[in-house]
Amino acid sequence: YKIDSILVIIAHEITHFYYFDKWKKTFPNSDPKTFEGPHIIWHLSEIIAPIILANPKIQKLLNKLDTGYKEHGKIKINKRNIIEHFDLLYKNFDKKKDFGEFLKEAYKEIMEYKKELNEI
């Protein structure tokens, strides 16, 4: 791997630490087993990581986008793939609110696509 690809992988994995830390604070009764694939909470973490890493401030450091899982890119919602769909949800989220509030919205939304995600 080239160094820029390695940095994206490292950043992606670090993003999971932030995501799951915030998840546990937002949903304290969550079963840690759901933090691994193929659970829906894990899928959401994989969908959100590329969205967070696309932030312009982070891109100044990475200078390369995280494209996420190809399987997620195949799931279409209103003519967008699921990552683009959640990216739009995130862009429309009031950033003055706590990230945990976004997780609540995103969780409700992703539950509508549980069947499609369980098929990958």
C-alpha atoms as a PDB file:
ATOM      1  CA  TYR A   1       0.000   0.000   0.000  1.00  0.00           C
ATOM      2  CA  LYS A   2       0.997   3.587  -0.556  1.00  0.00           C
ATOM      3  CA  ILE A   3       1.318   5.845   2.480  1.00  0.00           C
ATOM      4  CA  ASP A   4      -1.769   7.899   1.539  1.00  0.00           C
ATOM      5  CA  SER A   5      -3.870   4.734   1.431  1.00  0.00           C
ATOM      6  CA  ILE A   6      -2.488   3.575   4.770  1.00  0.00           C
ATOM      7  CA  LEU A   7      -3.314   6.945   6.349  1.00  0.00           C
ATOM      8  CA  VAL A   8      -6.918   6.687   5.126  1.00  0.00           C
ATOM      9  CA  ILE A   9      -7.226   3.182   6.600  1.00  0.00           C
ATOM     10  CA  ILE A  10      -5.822   4.377   9.935  1.00  0.00           C
ATOM     11  CA  ALA A  11      -8.138   7.404   9.975  1.00  0.00           C
ATOM     12  CA  HIS A  12     -11.098   5.162   9.090  1.00  0.00           C
ATOM     13  CA  GLU A  13     -10.358   2.840  12.000  1.00  0.00           C
ATOM     14  CA  ILE A  14      -9.820   5.748  14.421  1.00  0.00           C
ATOM     15  CA  THR A  15     -13.202   7.117  13.343  1.00  0.00           C
ATOM     16  CA  HIS A  16     -14.768   3.885  14.580  1.00  0.00           C
ATOM     17  CA  PHE A  17     -13.392   4.568  18.082  1.00  0.00           C
ATOM     18  CA  TYR A  18     -15.109   7.964  18.108  1.00  0.00           C
ATOM     19  CA  TYR A  19     -18.317   6.542  16.627  1.00  0.00           C
ATOM     20  CA  PHE A  20     -18.625   3.655  19.106  1.00  0.00           C
ATOM     21  CA  ASP A  21     -17.630   5.813  22.078  1.00  0.00           C
ATOM     22  CA  LYS A  22     -20.390   8.260  21.170  1.00  0.00           C
ATOM     23  CA  TRP A  23     -22.777   5.370  20.445  1.00  0.00           C
ATOM     24  CA  LYS A  24     -22.260   3.908  23.932  1.00  0.00           C
ATOM     25  CA  LYS A  25     -22.927   7.314  25.506  1.00  0.00           C
ATOM     26  CA  THR A  26     -26.029   7.874  23.364  1.00  0.00           C
ATOM     27  CA  PHE A  27     -27.373   4.318  23.687  1.00  0.00           C
ATOM     28  CA  PRO A  28     -25.905   3.067  26.991  1.00  0.00           C
ATOM     29  CA  ASN A  29     -27.848  -0.218  26.929  1.00  0.00           C
ATOM     30  CA  SER A  30     -26.393  -1.307  23.588  1.00  0.00           C
ATOM     31  CA  ASP A  31     -25.003  -4.811  23.370  1.00  0.00           C
ATOM     32  CA  PRO A  32     -21.299  -4.608  22.380  1.00  0.00           C
ATOM     33  CA  LYS A  33     -21.856  -7.644  20.130  1.00  0.00           C
ATOM     34  CA  THR A  34     -23.768  -5.318  17.786  1.00  0.00           C
ATOM     35  CA  PHE A  35     -20.571  -3.331  17.194  1.00  0.00           C
ATOM     36  CA  GLU A  36     -19.318  -6.061  14.867  1.00  0.00           C
ATOM     37  CA  GLY A  37     -20.529  -7.144  11.461  1.00  0.00           C
ATOM     38  CA  PRO A  38     -23.102  -7.987  10.276  1.00  0.00           C
ATOM     39  CA  HIS A  39     -25.135  -5.989  12.821  1.00  0.00           C
ATOM     40  CA  ILE A  40     -26.908  -2.820  11.691  1.00  0.00           C
ATOM     41  CA  ILE A  41     -24.976  -0.616  14.154  1.00  0.00           C
ATOM     42  CA  TRP A  42     -21.730  -1.856  12.608  1.00  0.00           C
ATOM     43  CA  HIS A  43     -23.057  -1.156   9.100  1.00  0.00           C
ATOM     44  CA  LEU A  44     -23.909   2.378  10.162  1.00  0.00           C
ATOM     45  CA  SER A  45     -20.373   2.878  11.486  1.00  0.00           C
ATOM     46  CA  GLU A  46     -18.963   1.760   8.137  1.00  0.00           C
ATOM     47  CA  ILE A  47     -21.295   4.113   6.269  1.00  0.00           C
ATOM     48  CA  ILE A  48     -20.541   7.104   8.505  1.00  0.00           C
ATOM     49  CA  ALA A  49     -16.736   6.762   8.538  1.00  0.00           C
ATOM     50  CA  PRO A  50     -16.230   7.925   4.905  1.00  0.00           C
ATOM     51  CA  ILE A  51     -18.676  10.776   5.512  1.00  0.00           C
ATOM     52  CA  ILE A  52     -16.736  12.064   8.507  1.00  0.00           C
ATOM     53  CA  LEU A  53     -13.417  11.637   6.727  1.00  0.00           C
ATOM     54  CA  ALA A  54     -14.661  13.741   3.796  1.00  0.00           C
ATOM     55  CA  ASN A  55     -14.683  16.788   6.072  1.00  0.00           C
ATOM     56  CA  PRO A  56     -12.490  19.460   4.408  1.00  0.00           C
ATOM     57  CA  LYS A  57     -10.364  19.882   7.564  1.00  0.00           C
ATOM     58  CA  ILE A  58      -9.628  16.157   7.645  1.00  0.00           C
ATOM     59  CA  GLN A  59      -9.017  16.093   3.895  1.00  0.00           C
ATOM     60  CA  LYS A  60      -6.265  18.709   4.350  1.00  0.00           C
ATOM     61  CA  LEU A  61      -4.429  16.016   6.296  1.00  0.00           C
ATOM     62  CA  LEU A  62      -5.387  12.930   4.307  1.00  0.00           C
ATOM     63  CA  ASN A  63      -5.715  14.384   0.824  1.00  0.00           C
ATOM     64  CA  LYS A  64      -7.536  11.208  -0.200  1.00  0.00           C
ATOM     65  CA  LEU A  65     -11.150  10.160   0.235  1.00  0.00           C
ATOM     66  CA  ASP A  66     -12.298   7.029   1.997  1.00  0.00           C
ATOM     67  CA  THR A  67     -14.647   5.325  -0.442  1.00  0.00           C
ATOM     68  CA  GLY A  68     -16.129   2.924   2.099  1.00  0.00           C
ATOM     69  CA  TYR A  69     -17.285  -0.597   1.389  1.00  0.00           C
ATOM     70  CA  LYS A  70     -18.191  -1.364  -2.211  1.00  0.00           C
ATOM     71  CA  GLU A  71     -21.152  -3.403  -0.963  1.00  0.00           C
ATOM     72  CA  HIS A  72     -22.662  -0.318   0.664  1.00  0.00           C
ATOM     73  CA  GLY A  73     -22.246   1.609  -2.560  1.00  0.00           C
ATOM     74  CA  LYS A  74     -24.521  -0.890  -4.319  1.00  0.00           C
ATOM     75  CA  ILE A  75     -27.525  -0.168  -2.079  1.00  0.00           C
ATOM     76  CA  LYS A  76     -29.630   2.532  -3.723  1.00  0.00           C
ATOM     77  CA  ILE A  77     -31.967   4.942  -1.942  1.00  0.00           C
ATOM     78  CA  ASN A  78     -33.742   7.543  -4.082  1.00  0.00           C
ATOM     79  CA  LYS A  79     -31.164   7.157  -6.888  1.00  0.00           C
ATOM     80  CA  ARG A  80     -28.237   7.606  -4.458  1.00  0.00           C
ATOM     81  CA  ASN A  81     -26.107   4.935  -2.895  1.00  0.00           C
ATOM     82  CA  ILE A  82     -26.563   4.504   0.836  1.00  0.00           C
ATOM     83  CA  ILE A  83     -23.355   6.399   1.685  1.00  0.00           C
ATOM     84  CA  GLU A  84     -24.486   9.388  -0.386  1.00  0.00           C
ATOM     85  CA  HIS A  85     -27.911   9.150   1.252  1.00  0.00           C
ATOM     86  CA  PHE A  86     -26.444   9.337   4.764  1.00  0.00           C
ATOM     87  CA  ASP A  87     -23.989  12.006   3.656  1.00  0.00           C
ATOM     88  CA  LEU A  88     -26.960  14.165   2.706  1.00  0.00           C
ATOM     89  CA  LEU A  89     -28.597  13.390   6.059  1.00  0.00           C
ATOM     90  CA  TYR A  90     -25.374  14.462   7.806  1.00  0.00           C
ATOM     91  CA  LYS A  91     -25.002  17.627   5.732  1.00  0.00           C
ATOM     92  CA  ASN A  92     -28.567  18.611   6.672  1.00  0.00           C
ATOM     93  CA  PHE A  93     -27.986  17.876  10.359  1.00  0.00           C
ATOM     94  CA  ASP A  94     -27.612  20.932  12.602  1.00  0.00           C
ATOM     95  CA  LYS A  95     -23.919  20.767  13.572  1.00  0.00           C
ATOM     96  CA  LYS A  96     -24.647  22.869  16.662  1.00  0.00           C
ATOM     97  CA  LYS A  97     -26.319  19.778  18.103  1.00  0.00           C
ATOM     98  CA  ASP A  98     -24.414  16.954  19.709  1.00  0.00           C
ATOM     99  CA  PHE A  99     -23.235  14.175  17.367  1.00  0.00           C
ATOM    100  CA  GLY A 100     -25.287  11.765  19.477  1.00  0.00           C
ATOM    101  CA  GLU A 101     -28.419  13.448  18.126  1.00  0.00           C
ATOM    102  CA  PHE A 102     -27.240  12.676  14.616  1.00  0.00           C
ATOM    103  CA  LEU A 103     -26.701   9.057  15.622  1.00  0.00           C
ATOM    104  CA  LYS A 104     -30.314   8.865  16.819  1.00  0.00           C
ATOM    105  CA  GLU A 105     -31.552  10.199  13.476  1.00  0.00           C
ATOM    106  CA  ALA A 106     -29.211   7.964  11.496  1.00  0.00           C
ATOM    107  CA  TYR A 107     -30.233   4.885  13.489  1.00  0.00           C
ATOM    108  CA  LYS A 108     -33.923   5.480  12.780  1.00  0.00           C
ATOM    109  CA  GLU A 109     -33.092   5.970   9.112  1.00  0.00           C
ATOM    110  CA  ILE A 110     -30.864   2.926   8.706  1.00  0.00           C
ATOM    111  CA  MET A 111     -33.431   0.643  10.311  1.00  0.00           C
ATOM    112  CA  GLU A 112     -35.540   1.213   7.197  1.00  0.00           C
ATOM    113  CA  TYR A 113     -32.809  -0.516   5.154  1.00  0.00           C
ATOM    114  CA  LYS A 114     -32.048  -3.393   7.511  1.00  0.00           C
ATOM    115  CA  LYS A 115     -33.255  -5.994   4.987  1.00  0.00           C
ATOM    116  CA  GLU A 116     -30.990  -4.679   2.218  1.00  0.00           C
ATOM    117  CA  LEU A 117     -27.992  -4.503   4.548  1.00  0.00           C
ATOM    118  CA  ASN A 118     -28.557  -8.031   5.843  1.00  0.00           C
ATOM    119  CA  GLU A 119     -28.367  -9.273   2.245  1.00  0.00           C
ATOM    120  CA  ILE A 120     -24.775  -8.094   1.716  1.00  0.00           C
END
